[in-house]
Amino acid sequence: MRAESGDAALHFRGRRLFRGNEALPVHAAHLHPSPEHDDFGSFRGAADGMALRLTSSDAVLHKHLCPADAVARTVFELLEQIRVEAMAPGNMPGLLRNLRHRHEQWSLAFHHSGLTETATGLLLYTVAQVCRARVTAQPVVDATEGVIEATRMALAPMLGQDLAGLRRHRADQAAYARHALAIARAVAQAFHAARAADEDDDASGRDHEQDERGLFSLWMDFEGEPDDGVTAASSGHSRVLDEADDGYRVFTTAYDVEVKAATLVRAALLTEYRERLDRRIARQGLNVARLARQLKAVFAVDSRNEWEGSQEEGSIDGRRLSQLIASPTERRLFRIERQEPAADGVVSFLVDCSGSMKQHVETVAMLVDVFARALEQAGVASEVLGFTTGAWNGGRALRDWQRARRPAHPGRLNEACHMVFKDADTPWRRARPDIAALLKSDLFREGVDGEAIDWACARLRGRSEGRRLLIVISDGSPMDSATQLANDAHYLDHHLREVVARHAQQGGVEVYGVGVGLDLSPYYRRNRVIDAVAPLRNEVFSEIVAMIARR
């Protein structure tokens, strides 16, 4: 996509397209291939389609013309994507093949899902096939030509003139849009009528709402949200931070602490928390042994541990040369180095202990506890860290700033509190009670993420393991009310982006984000989202393993 568009700032975070820190909408159904069900060629075709949309479409004009009705907007988006794909250069046959392949794969998936058995599904599918065939001068998908024939004939009188206009004006976006809008509105009107027919058709025996959810998942979300419906973290630009000569500031570190979390909880209460956590984990039925095998494979490196002699090839074994003299026909005079995979890595979990995380604390505690146990079985060191503030609304740091007559741009105005629930040298069995301290909800106040990541990365850089990973678990943007009021609203999240980018550039520590019910892609290029409400399943752990496996 970068090569075709000439835009070096394009990249993906999770499954979303970004230009720098700006999320770019991808409003066409076939541009969202599934990693589980689609082939590699589909991803190439989707990438080519996105690149053409960026280079051949005026986004401002398109947004201005886009209709308000959800169905009309969906059809209008599709028609614009068809237009830019029709403009693909003829001297790039590979690109043309990719686009055609992706269209066919999406079409067959839509048809085989059973959605063409409903009036609404068949209508939208027929419009997609007929319009693309007319604009690109390519035939409709052969396997479904018979399925759409009757609907195509019914649409011909209604759309015929505008279909010709699409083909004639495909090189002129504004002129093309006039015909596309006419088609979109006509199809929207027919769609609503067909949906009413579907609802009245008792003989179909199908759940209309379920059909519509499936239809939109294969088509696109009418409101332009991601397929999974997860909200993205809100991020912005800090003018105060940009204009500061010395960058990010901390007003005072006098009250900052690093503490062992278990010391903040009474022993009896810690035991109660641990028992509660164990009961929750037991009810989930998680396969820790399988998770350990997956992690061992991810962190495995070849380890040379000994030599195997009496071989017919390899390195000469000097100890066996005397046998050559005694038996000139002897050929087993060599030795080979035996290499066996061994895990080499350390993983640090950094938990956001801000107030909004209280409602997710048991889910997060189970997640890190099971991972710590499985990592130990895989031979990988792990640690569990947390970050919060020592007070709400600034505390002593804020009062010091007020006594200093409120100088401008004070920077961070709160007491940073970094907590260690388990360090990398402590076995999981000994750290079990300490990890349960995560359940003490009154430890959760506000969060300064950027400084916490610097602290956690510094701990990892002091380790000798070959691969060092930091997994940040959070449910939102950095938040400290005193700091934001004294600087600006985006001071902390701007700093967080700078910190993550700096560590990515430095290397040595891989930083990942796990969002609890929130997409953290504005901050972490490598990220996953876990459902904050649903029970933890083995699939959740497998997704995180896949993320760190660089797949």
Protein backbone atom coordinates (compact mmCIF):
# COMPACT_ATOMS: atom_id res chain seq x y z
CA MET A 1 0.00 0.00 0.00
CA ARG A 2 2.85 2.40 0.75
CA ALA A 3 4.45 1.61 -2.60
CA GLU A 4 1.24 2.09 -4.58
CA SER A 5 0.14 5.25 -2.76
CA GLY A 6 3.56 6.81 -2.16
CA ASP A 7 2.50 7.47 1.44
CA ALA A 8 5.17 6.27 3.89
CA ALA A 9 3.01 7.08 6.93
CA LEU A 10 0.50 4.30 6.25
CA HIS A 11 0.48 1.41 8.70
CA PHE A 12 -1.85 -0.96 10.48
CA ARG A 13 -2.50 -1.11 14.20
CA GLY A 14 -4.40 -4.22 15.03
CA ARG A 15 -6.63 -4.51 11.97
CA ARG A 16 -7.12 -0.79 11.36
CA LEU A 17 -5.47 1.43 8.79
CA PHE A 18 -3.70 4.56 10.04
CA ARG A 19 -1.84 7.47 8.47
CA GLY A 20 0.44 8.51 11.30
CA ASN A 21 -1.94 8.72 14.26
CA GLU A 22 -5.03 9.35 12.10
CA ALA A 23 -7.36 6.37 11.66
CA LEU A 24 -8.50 6.02 8.04
CA PRO A 25 -11.98 4.64 7.41
CA VAL A 26 -12.29 1.65 5.08
CA HIS A 27 -15.93 1.73 3.94
CA ALA A 28 -16.28 -1.27 1.64
CA ALA A 29 -17.22 -4.78 2.64
CA HIS A 30 -14.70 -6.65 0.50
CA LEU A 31 -11.81 -4.62 1.97
CA HIS A 32 -12.20 -6.44 5.31
CA PRO A 33 -10.93 -9.99 4.69
CA SER A 34 -11.04 -12.43 7.59
CA PRO A 35 -7.73 -13.85 8.92
CA GLU A 36 -9.59 -17.03 9.84
CA HIS A 37 -11.38 -17.72 6.54
CA ASP A 38 -9.77 -15.82 3.66
CA ASP A 39 -6.64 -16.68 1.69
CA PHE A 40 -3.50 -14.60 1.24
CA GLY A 41 -4.61 -13.41 -2.20
CA SER A 42 -7.66 -11.81 -0.59
CA PHE A 43 -5.43 -9.67 1.61
CA ARG A 44 -3.39 -8.59 -1.41
CA GLY A 45 -6.58 -7.63 -3.24
CA ALA A 46 -7.89 -5.71 -0.22
CA ALA A 47 -4.58 -3.86 0.13
CA ASP A 48 -4.64 -2.88 -3.55
CA GLY A 49 -8.23 -1.69 -3.19
CA MET A 50 -7.36 0.48 -0.18
CA ALA A 51 -4.37 1.98 -1.96
CA LEU A 52 -6.49 2.89 -4.99
CA ARG A 53 -9.08 4.51 -2.72
CA LEU A 54 -6.37 6.69 -1.16
CA THR A 55 -4.88 7.76 -4.50
CA SER A 56 -7.93 8.00 -6.78
CA SER A 57 -10.70 9.38 -4.56
CA ASP A 58 -11.20 12.87 -3.11
CA ALA A 59 -12.16 12.03 0.49
CA VAL A 60 -13.46 15.54 1.25
CA LEU A 61 -15.74 15.60 -1.79
CA HIS A 62 -16.95 12.08 -1.08
CA LYS A 63 -17.78 12.88 2.54
CA HIS A 64 -19.64 16.02 1.47
CA LEU A 65 -21.80 14.08 -1.00
CA CYS A 66 -22.41 11.01 1.19
CA PRO A 67 -26.16 10.58 1.91
CA ALA A 68 -27.52 10.48 5.44
CA ASP A 69 -29.64 7.32 5.09
CA ALA A 70 -27.65 4.32 6.32
CA VAL A 71 -28.51 2.00 3.43
CA ALA A 72 -27.99 4.69 0.79
CA ARG A 73 -24.67 5.56 2.38
CA THR A 74 -23.57 1.93 2.26
CA VAL A 75 -24.37 1.63 -1.46
CA PHE A 76 -22.75 5.00 -2.22
CA GLU A 77 -19.56 3.89 -0.43
CA LEU A 78 -19.49 0.68 -2.44
CA LEU A 79 -20.00 2.49 -5.75
CA GLU A 80 -17.09 4.85 -5.04
CA GLN A 81 -14.87 1.86 -4.26
CA ILE A 82 -15.96 0.21 -7.52
CA ARG A 83 -15.06 3.42 -9.37
CA VAL A 84 -11.50 3.59 -8.04
CA GLU A 85 -10.94 -0.11 -8.74
CA ALA A 86 -12.10 0.47 -12.32
CA MET A 87 -9.37 3.12 -12.59
CA ALA A 88 -6.62 0.60 -11.85
CA PRO A 89 -3.83 0.95 -14.46
CA GLY A 90 -3.97 -1.67 -17.19
CA ASN A 91 -0.19 -2.11 -17.18
CA MET A 92 -0.39 -3.73 -13.72
CA PRO A 93 -1.98 -7.12 -14.44
CA GLY A 94 -1.10 -8.49 -11.02
CA LEU A 95 -3.04 -5.71 -9.31
CA LEU A 96 -6.03 -6.35 -11.59
CA ARG A 97 -5.94 -10.06 -10.75
CA ASN A 98 -5.78 -9.30 -7.02
CA LEU A 99 -8.82 -7.01 -7.18
CA ARG A 100 -10.83 -9.54 -9.17
CA HIS A 101 -9.83 -12.38 -6.84
CA ARG A 102 -10.87 -10.46 -3.76
CA HIS A 103 -14.22 -9.52 -5.27
CA GLU A 104 -14.93 -13.15 -6.18
CA GLN A 105 -13.94 -14.46 -2.75
CA TRP A 106 -16.15 -11.95 -0.97
CA SER A 107 -19.04 -12.66 -3.35
CA LEU A 108 -18.85 -16.41 -2.78
CA ALA A 109 -18.60 -15.95 0.99
CA PHE A 110 -21.68 -13.73 0.94
CA HIS A 111 -23.62 -16.22 -1.14
CA HIS A 112 -22.56 -19.34 0.79
CA SER A 113 -23.52 -17.65 4.07
CA GLY A 114 -27.16 -17.99 3.00
CA LEU A 115 -27.77 -14.24 2.98
CA THR A 116 -28.81 -14.24 -0.68
CA GLU A 117 -31.84 -16.28 0.43
CA THR A 118 -33.39 -13.13 1.93
CA ALA A 119 -34.88 -10.35 -0.17
CA THR A 120 -32.63 -7.70 1.41
CA GLY A 121 -29.49 -9.75 1.04
CA LEU A 122 -30.22 -10.67 -2.57
CA LEU A 123 -30.99 -7.05 -3.42
CA LEU A 124 -27.71 -5.68 -2.08
CA TYR A 125 -25.72 -8.56 -3.54
CA THR A 126 -27.26 -8.06 -6.99
CA VAL A 127 -26.56 -4.32 -6.91
CA ALA A 128 -22.91 -5.02 -6.02
CA GLN A 129 -22.54 -7.51 -8.87
CA VAL A 130 -24.36 -5.52 -11.54
CA CYS A 131 -22.69 -2.18 -10.75
CA ARG A 132 -19.21 -3.64 -10.65
CA ALA A 133 -19.73 -5.50 -13.89
CA ARG A 134 -20.97 -2.37 -15.65
CA VAL A 135 -18.24 0.00 -14.36
CA THR A 136 -15.26 -2.37 -14.74
CA ALA A 137 -16.50 -4.16 -17.87
CA GLN A 138 -15.89 -7.50 -16.14
CA PRO A 139 -18.50 -10.28 -15.96
CA VAL A 140 -20.46 -11.00 -12.80
CA VAL A 141 -19.33 -13.95 -10.67
CA ASP A 142 -20.24 -16.99 -12.73
CA ALA A 143 -21.26 -19.19 -9.78
CA THR A 144 -24.07 -16.82 -8.76
CA GLU A 145 -25.17 -15.48 -12.13
CA GLY A 146 -28.32 -17.61 -12.10
CA VAL A 147 -29.16 -16.55 -8.55
CA ILE A 148 -29.25 -12.83 -9.37
CA GLU A 149 -30.85 -13.03 -12.82
CA ALA A 150 -34.44 -12.30 -11.77
CA THR A 151 -33.43 -9.46 -9.43
CA ARG A 152 -31.17 -7.99 -12.10
CA MET A 153 -34.02 -7.91 -14.59
CA ALA A 154 -36.25 -6.21 -12.02
CA LEU A 155 -33.61 -3.56 -11.33
CA ALA A 156 -32.86 -2.81 -14.98
CA PRO A 157 -35.73 -0.35 -15.60
CA MET A 158 -35.06 1.45 -12.30
CA LEU A 159 -31.26 1.75 -12.59
CA GLY A 160 -30.51 1.39 -16.30
CA GLN A 161 -29.86 5.03 -17.15
CA ASP A 162 -27.72 5.68 -14.07
CA LEU A 163 -25.75 2.47 -14.62
CA ALA A 164 -24.75 3.77 -18.04
CA GLY A 165 -23.78 7.07 -16.41
CA LEU A 166 -21.48 5.28 -13.95
CA ARG A 167 -19.54 3.71 -16.79
CA ARG A 168 -19.40 6.93 -18.81
CA HIS A 169 -18.21 9.18 -15.94
CA ARG A 170 -15.95 6.81 -13.98
CA ALA A 171 -12.96 9.13 -14.49
CA ASP A 172 -14.85 12.15 -13.06
CA GLN A 173 -15.70 11.64 -9.37
CA ALA A 174 -18.20 14.51 -9.13
CA ALA A 175 -20.13 13.52 -12.28
CA TYR A 176 -20.00 9.85 -11.30
CA ALA A 177 -21.35 10.71 -7.84
CA ARG A 178 -24.58 12.14 -9.29
CA HIS A 179 -25.48 8.77 -10.80
CA ALA A 180 -24.16 6.89 -7.75
CA LEU A 181 -26.43 8.94 -5.46
CA ALA A 182 -29.45 8.24 -7.64
CA ILE A 183 -28.73 4.51 -7.52
CA ALA A 184 -28.05 4.57 -3.78
CA ARG A 185 -31.36 6.27 -3.00
CA ALA A 186 -33.33 3.97 -5.27
CA VAL A 187 -31.73 0.90 -3.75
CA ALA A 188 -32.36 2.22 -0.22
CA GLN A 189 -36.04 2.61 -1.02
CA ALA A 190 -36.20 -0.92 -2.43
CA PHE A 191 -34.21 -2.24 0.53
CA HIS A 192 -36.69 -0.94 3.10
CA ALA A 193 -39.56 -2.43 1.11
CA ALA A 194 -37.76 -5.77 0.86
CA ARG A 195 -36.99 -5.76 4.57
CA ALA A 196 -40.67 -5.32 5.33
CA ALA A 197 -41.37 -8.29 3.05
CA ASP A 198 -38.77 -10.37 4.88
CA GLU A 199 -40.37 -9.55 8.21
CA ASP A 200 -43.81 -10.61 6.96
CA ASP A 201 -42.55 -13.83 5.37
CA ASP A 202 -43.31 -16.38 8.07
CA ALA A 203 -42.51 -19.26 5.73
CA SER A 204 -38.83 -18.34 5.68
CA GLY A 205 -38.40 -19.45 9.29
CA ARG A 206 -35.45 -17.15 9.75
CA ASP A 207 -34.72 -14.66 12.50
CA HIS A 208 -34.72 -11.27 10.77
CA GLU A 209 -32.43 -9.52 13.27
CA GLN A 210 -29.93 -12.36 13.13
CA ASP A 211 -29.95 -12.25 9.31
CA GLU A 212 -29.41 -8.51 9.33
CA ARG A 213 -26.45 -8.77 11.71
CA GLY A 214 -24.88 -11.38 9.47
CA LEU A 215 -25.66 -9.31 6.39
CA PHE A 216 -23.96 -6.24 7.76
CA SER A 217 -20.95 -8.21 9.03
CA LEU A 218 -20.33 -9.42 5.46
CA TRP A 219 -21.32 -6.09 3.96
CA MET A 220 -20.18 -3.38 6.36
CA ASP A 221 -21.26 -1.63 9.53
CA PHE A 222 -23.70 1.14 8.59
CA GLU A 223 -22.30 3.48 11.21
CA GLY A 224 -18.70 3.04 10.10
CA GLU A 225 -17.57 1.41 13.33
CA PRO A 226 -15.11 -1.51 13.32
CA ASP A 227 -16.43 -5.03 12.77
CA ASP A 228 -16.07 -5.94 16.41
CA GLY A 229 -17.91 -2.83 17.59
CA VAL A 230 -15.08 -1.89 19.96
CA THR A 231 -14.56 1.79 20.69
CA ALA A 232 -11.11 3.21 20.05
CA ALA A 233 -9.26 5.18 22.70
CA SER A 234 -9.56 8.94 22.30
CA SER A 235 -6.24 10.66 21.73
CA GLY A 236 -5.18 14.19 20.85
CA HIS A 237 -2.33 16.63 20.45
CA SER A 238 -0.89 18.69 23.30
CA ARG A 239 0.09 22.22 22.33
CA VAL A 240 1.71 22.77 25.74
CA LEU A 241 3.98 19.75 25.25
CA ASP A 242 4.85 20.78 21.70
CA GLU A 243 5.81 24.29 22.72
CA ALA A 244 7.92 23.25 25.75
CA ASP A 245 11.65 23.49 25.08
CA ASP A 246 12.45 20.74 27.55
CA GLY A 247 9.55 18.43 26.60
CA TYR A 248 7.57 16.51 29.21
CA ARG A 249 7.97 17.79 32.77
CA VAL A 250 7.40 16.52 36.30
CA PHE A 251 6.81 19.23 38.86
CA THR A 252 8.19 17.19 41.76
CA THR A 253 9.30 13.61 42.37
CA ALA A 254 9.49 14.07 46.14
CA TYR A 255 6.39 11.99 46.76
CA ASP A 256 6.89 9.30 44.11
CA VAL A 257 7.15 5.75 45.43
CA GLU A 258 7.88 2.25 44.22
CA VAL A 259 6.27 -0.26 46.55
CA LYS A 260 5.66 -3.96 46.87
CA ALA A 261 1.88 -4.21 46.46
CA ALA A 262 1.42 -6.93 49.07
CA THR A 263 2.61 -4.56 51.80
CA LEU A 264 -0.44 -2.39 51.15
CA VAL A 265 -2.91 -5.19 52.00
CA ARG A 266 -3.53 -6.93 55.33
CA ALA A 267 -2.35 -10.56 55.31
CA ALA A 268 -5.79 -11.96 56.14
CA LEU A 269 -7.40 -9.92 53.38
CA LEU A 270 -4.71 -11.02 50.94
CA THR A 271 -5.49 -14.66 51.72
CA GLU A 272 -9.18 -14.00 51.13
CA TYR A 273 -8.42 -12.34 47.78
CA ARG A 274 -6.26 -15.29 46.72
CA GLU A 275 -8.97 -17.81 47.51
CA ARG A 276 -11.50 -15.74 45.59
CA LEU A 277 -9.19 -15.53 42.60
CA ASP A 278 -8.51 -19.29 42.65
CA ARG A 279 -12.23 -20.04 42.65
CA ARG A 280 -12.80 -17.78 39.64
CA ILE A 281 -9.95 -19.34 37.69
CA ALA A 282 -11.12 -22.88 38.49
CA ARG A 283 -14.60 -22.08 37.15
CA GLN A 284 -13.21 -20.89 33.81
CA GLY A 285 -11.76 -24.29 32.88
CA LEU A 286 -8.61 -22.79 31.35
CA ASN A 287 -6.02 -25.10 29.79
CA VAL A 288 -2.81 -23.81 31.37
CA ALA A 289 -0.70 -26.71 30.04
CA ARG A 290 -1.66 -25.92 26.45
CA LEU A 291 -0.97 -22.24 27.00
CA ALA A 292 2.47 -23.14 28.37
CA ARG A 293 3.22 -25.19 25.25
CA GLN A 294 2.19 -22.29 23.02
CA LEU A 295 4.39 -19.88 24.95
CA LYS A 296 7.35 -22.25 24.90
CA ALA A 297 7.09 -22.45 21.11
CA VAL A 298 6.93 -18.65 20.85
CA PHE A 299 10.04 -18.08 22.97
CA ALA A 300 12.02 -21.12 21.82
CA VAL A 301 15.56 -20.61 20.53
CA ASP A 302 18.08 -23.26 19.53
CA SER A 303 20.33 -24.17 22.44
CA ARG A 304 23.64 -25.99 21.89
CA ASN A 305 24.05 -28.14 24.91
CA GLU A 306 26.25 -31.15 24.01
CA TRP A 307 27.99 -33.17 21.27
CA GLU A 308 26.81 -36.46 19.84
CA GLY A 309 29.70 -38.71 18.68
CA SER A 310 30.12 -41.79 16.43
CA GLN A 311 28.62 -40.04 13.41
CA GLU A 312 29.50 -40.59 9.74
CA GLU A 313 29.53 -36.84 9.03
CA GLY A 314 29.99 -33.63 10.92
CA SER A 315 33.06 -32.28 12.71
CA ILE A 316 36.08 -34.57 13.17
CA ASP A 317 36.20 -36.06 16.66
CA GLY A 318 39.88 -36.07 17.64
CA ARG A 319 39.23 -38.67 20.31
CA ARG A 320 38.32 -41.28 17.69
CA LEU A 321 41.24 -40.82 15.29
CA SER A 322 43.06 -43.76 16.89
CA GLN A 323 40.28 -46.03 15.65
CA LEU A 324 41.08 -45.02 12.08
CA ILE A 325 44.57 -46.48 12.53
CA ALA A 326 43.26 -49.68 14.08
CA SER A 327 40.43 -50.02 11.56
CA PRO A 328 41.03 -48.10 8.30
CA THR A 329 37.46 -48.76 7.12
CA GLU A 330 35.95 -47.06 10.15
CA ARG A 331 33.81 -44.11 9.09
CA ARG A 332 32.16 -43.11 12.35
CA LEU A 333 34.84 -40.58 13.23
CA PHE A 334 32.72 -37.46 13.41
CA ARG A 335 30.53 -35.70 15.90
CA ILE A 336 27.62 -33.28 15.59
CA GLU A 337 26.40 -30.60 17.92
CA ARG A 338 23.00 -31.38 19.41
CA GLN A 339 20.62 -28.44 19.38
CA GLU A 340 17.44 -28.43 21.37
CA PRO A 341 14.92 -25.59 21.64
CA ALA A 342 14.91 -23.74 24.94
CA ALA A 343 12.78 -20.77 26.00
CA ASP A 344 14.65 -17.50 26.35
CA GLY A 345 12.62 -14.46 27.29
CA VAL A 346 10.99 -12.35 29.97
CA VAL A 347 7.47 -10.88 29.94
CA SER A 348 6.36 -7.97 32.10
CA PHE A 349 2.66 -7.23 32.58
CA LEU A 350 2.01 -3.58 33.41
CA VAL A 351 -1.52 -3.12 34.79
CA ASP A 352 -3.26 0.25 34.68
CA CYS A 353 -4.55 0.71 38.24
CA SER A 354 -6.68 3.77 37.52
CA GLY A 355 -10.18 4.13 38.95
CA SER A 356 -12.01 2.98 35.82
CA MET A 357 -10.22 -0.38 35.98
CA LYS A 358 -11.91 -1.33 39.26
CA GLN A 359 -14.82 -2.93 37.46
CA HIS A 360 -12.45 -5.12 35.43
CA VAL A 361 -10.04 -6.01 38.21
CA GLU A 362 -10.99 -9.70 38.55
CA THR A 363 -10.71 -10.31 34.81
CA VAL A 364 -7.29 -8.65 34.70
CA ALA A 365 -6.08 -10.49 37.82
CA MET A 366 -7.08 -13.85 36.31
CA LEU A 367 -5.40 -12.95 33.03
CA VAL A 368 -2.01 -12.07 34.51
CA ASP A 369 -2.10 -14.89 37.08
CA VAL A 370 -2.74 -17.58 34.46
CA PHE A 371 -0.11 -16.09 32.16
CA ALA A 372 2.47 -15.94 34.96
CA ARG A 373 1.82 -19.59 35.80
CA ALA A 374 1.99 -20.73 32.15
CA LEU A 375 5.13 -18.69 31.45
CA GLU A 376 6.88 -20.32 34.38
CA GLN A 377 5.96 -23.77 33.05
CA ALA A 378 7.37 -22.70 29.67
CA GLY A 379 10.65 -21.60 31.27
CA VAL A 380 10.05 -17.88 30.68
CA ALA A 381 10.48 -15.31 33.46
CA SER A 382 7.60 -12.95 34.16
CA GLU A 383 6.73 -10.03 36.36
CA VAL A 384 3.49 -8.27 37.22
CA LEU A 385 3.62 -4.52 37.77
CA GLY A 386 1.03 -1.82 38.30
CA PHE A 387 0.84 1.95 38.25
CA THR A 388 -1.46 4.46 39.89
CA THR A 389 -1.14 7.71 41.83
CA GLY A 390 -0.66 8.30 45.53
CA ALA A 391 -3.69 10.57 45.74
CA TRP A 392 -6.71 11.84 43.87
CA ASN A 393 -6.55 15.25 42.18
CA GLY A 394 -2.86 15.89 42.66
CA GLY A 395 -2.32 15.44 46.39
CA ARG A 396 0.81 16.91 47.90
CA ALA A 397 2.39 17.68 44.52
CA LEU A 398 -0.54 19.91 43.60
CA ARG A 399 -0.35 21.72 46.91
CA ASP A 400 3.37 22.39 46.41
CA TRP A 401 2.58 23.88 42.98
CA GLN A 402 -0.11 26.09 44.46
CA ARG A 403 2.28 27.32 47.16
CA ALA A 404 4.80 28.12 44.40
CA ARG A 405 2.21 30.53 42.89
CA ARG A 406 1.16 28.20 40.07
CA PRO A 407 3.98 28.50 37.50
CA ALA A 408 2.95 27.80 33.90
CA HIS A 409 3.43 24.36 32.37
CA PRO A 410 4.20 22.53 35.61
CA GLY A 411 4.00 19.10 33.96
CA ARG A 412 2.82 16.10 35.95
CA LEU A 413 1.13 17.24 39.15
CA ASN A 414 0.53 14.12 41.20
CA GLU A 415 2.34 11.49 43.25
CA ALA A 416 3.36 8.58 41.02
CA CYS A 417 2.95 5.17 42.64
CA HIS A 418 4.56 2.18 40.91
CA MET A 419 3.65 -1.21 42.40
CA VAL A 420 5.35 -4.60 42.10
CA PHE A 421 2.99 -7.54 42.42
CA LYS A 422 5.56 -10.11 41.23
CA ASP A 423 9.15 -9.58 40.19
CA ALA A 424 10.88 -11.63 37.52
CA ASP A 425 13.06 -13.57 39.99
CA THR A 426 10.20 -14.74 42.23
CA PRO A 427 8.52 -18.07 41.27
CA TRP A 428 4.79 -17.96 40.62
CA ARG A 429 4.01 -20.23 43.59
CA ARG A 430 5.66 -17.82 46.04
CA ALA A 431 4.12 -14.77 44.35
CA ARG A 432 0.54 -16.12 44.29
CA PRO A 433 -0.65 -14.14 47.35
CA ASP A 434 1.02 -10.95 46.11
CA ILE A 435 -0.68 -11.13 42.70
CA ALA A 436 -4.04 -11.29 44.49
CA ALA A 437 -3.38 -7.77 45.81
CA LEU A 438 -4.73 -6.62 42.44
CA LEU A 439 -8.20 -7.23 43.87
CA LYS A 440 -7.82 -4.44 46.43
CA SER A 441 -9.83 -1.80 44.63
CA ASP A 442 -8.87 1.18 46.81
CA LEU A 443 -5.36 1.03 45.32
CA PHE A 444 -6.88 2.24 42.05
CA ARG A 445 -6.79 6.02 41.63
CA GLU A 446 -5.46 7.83 38.55
CA GLY A 447 -2.88 6.84 35.93
CA VAL A 448 0.21 8.34 34.32
CA ASP A 449 0.93 5.72 31.64
CA GLY A 450 3.99 7.18 29.92
CA GLU A 451 6.19 7.33 33.01
CA ALA A 452 5.04 3.85 34.07
CA ILE A 453 6.12 2.41 30.71
CA ASP A 454 9.53 4.05 31.06
CA TRP A 455 9.85 2.50 34.53
CA ALA A 456 8.80 -0.96 33.37
CA CYS A 457 11.09 -0.85 30.32
CA ALA A 458 14.04 0.19 32.50
CA ARG A 459 13.45 -2.90 34.65
CA LEU A 460 13.38 -5.11 31.56
CA ARG A 461 16.53 -3.60 30.08
CA GLY A 462 18.36 -4.71 33.20
CA ARG A 463 17.54 -8.34 32.40
CA SER A 464 19.82 -10.68 30.44
CA GLU A 465 17.15 -12.61 28.49
CA GLY A 466 17.25 -12.51 24.72
CA ARG A 467 13.66 -11.36 24.20
CA ARG A 468 11.99 -8.83 26.51
CA LEU A 469 8.31 -7.98 26.26
CA LEU A 470 6.14 -5.42 28.01
CA ILE A 471 2.37 -5.97 27.84
CA VAL A 472 0.37 -2.96 29.04
CA ILE A 473 -3.18 -3.77 30.17
CA SER A 474 -5.47 -0.75 30.27
CA ASP A 475 -9.05 0.33 29.63
CA GLY A 476 -8.49 3.90 28.53
CA SER A 477 -6.32 6.94 28.02
CA PRO A 478 -3.95 8.34 30.68
CA MET A 479 -5.83 10.38 33.24
CA ASP A 480 -4.75 12.70 36.02
CA SER A 481 -7.14 15.58 36.58
CA ALA A 482 -4.63 17.93 38.26
CA THR A 483 -2.09 17.49 35.45
CA GLN A 484 -4.65 18.03 32.72
CA LEU A 485 -6.13 21.16 34.31
CA ALA A 486 -2.71 22.76 34.81
CA ASN A 487 -1.38 21.87 31.33
CA ASP A 488 -3.96 20.76 28.73
CA ALA A 489 -6.36 17.89 28.13
CA HIS A 490 -4.00 15.82 25.94
CA TYR A 491 -0.76 16.36 27.84
CA LEU A 492 -0.51 12.82 29.23
CA ASP A 493 -1.74 10.87 26.21
CA HIS A 494 0.57 12.85 23.90
CA HIS A 495 3.45 11.89 26.21
CA LEU A 496 2.33 8.25 26.17
CA ARG A 497 2.50 8.13 22.36
CA GLU A 498 5.98 9.66 22.45
CA VAL A 499 7.18 7.11 25.03
CA VAL A 500 5.87 4.10 23.09
CA ALA A 501 7.36 5.44 19.84
CA ARG A 502 10.72 6.05 21.52
CA HIS A 503 10.97 2.52 22.89
CA ALA A 504 9.96 1.08 19.52
CA GLN A 505 12.77 3.07 17.91
CA GLN A 506 15.34 2.11 20.55
CA GLY A 507 14.52 -1.59 20.39
CA GLY A 508 15.46 -4.05 23.09
CA VAL A 509 11.95 -4.11 24.58
CA GLU A 510 8.80 -4.94 22.64
CA VAL A 511 5.79 -2.96 23.87
CA TYR A 512 2.27 -4.33 23.36
CA GLY A 513 -1.14 -3.06 24.41
CA VAL A 514 -4.10 -5.14 25.63
CA GLY A 515 -7.26 -3.07 25.78
CA VAL A 516 -9.95 -4.09 28.26
CA GLY A 517 -13.05 -3.34 26.22
CA LEU A 518 -11.21 -0.55 24.37
CA ASP A 519 -9.07 -0.41 21.25
CA LEU A 520 -5.65 1.00 22.23
CA SER A 521 -4.35 1.30 18.66
CA PRO A 522 -3.87 5.10 18.93
CA TYR A 523 -1.07 4.33 21.40
CA TYR A 524 0.23 0.82 20.68
CA ARG A 525 0.93 -0.36 17.17
CA ARG A 526 0.76 -3.99 18.33
CA ASN A 527 -2.40 -4.47 20.32
CA ARG A 528 -5.41 -6.65 21.06
CA VAL A 529 -8.80 -6.04 22.66
CA ILE A 530 -10.36 -8.38 25.20
CA ASP A 531 -14.04 -8.39 26.10
CA ALA A 532 -14.42 -6.74 29.49
CA VAL A 533 -17.73 -8.50 30.18
CA ALA A 534 -17.47 -12.00 28.70
CA PRO A 535 -15.77 -14.77 30.75
CA LEU A 536 -12.11 -15.42 30.00
CA ARG A 537 -11.76 -18.29 27.54
CA ASN A 538 -8.77 -20.14 26.12
CA GLU A 539 -9.26 -18.19 22.88
CA VAL A 540 -8.43 -14.92 24.64
CA PHE A 541 -5.07 -16.26 25.74
CA SER A 542 -4.40 -17.69 22.27
CA GLU A 543 -5.04 -14.28 20.69
CA ILE A 544 -2.51 -12.62 22.97
CA VAL A 545 0.01 -15.40 22.29
CA ALA A 546 -0.51 -14.89 18.55
CA MET A 547 0.12 -11.17 19.01
CA ILE A 548 3.49 -11.69 20.66
CA ALA A 549 4.40 -14.49 18.25
CA ARG A 550 4.82 -11.88 15.46
CA ARG A 551 2.28 -13.63 13.28
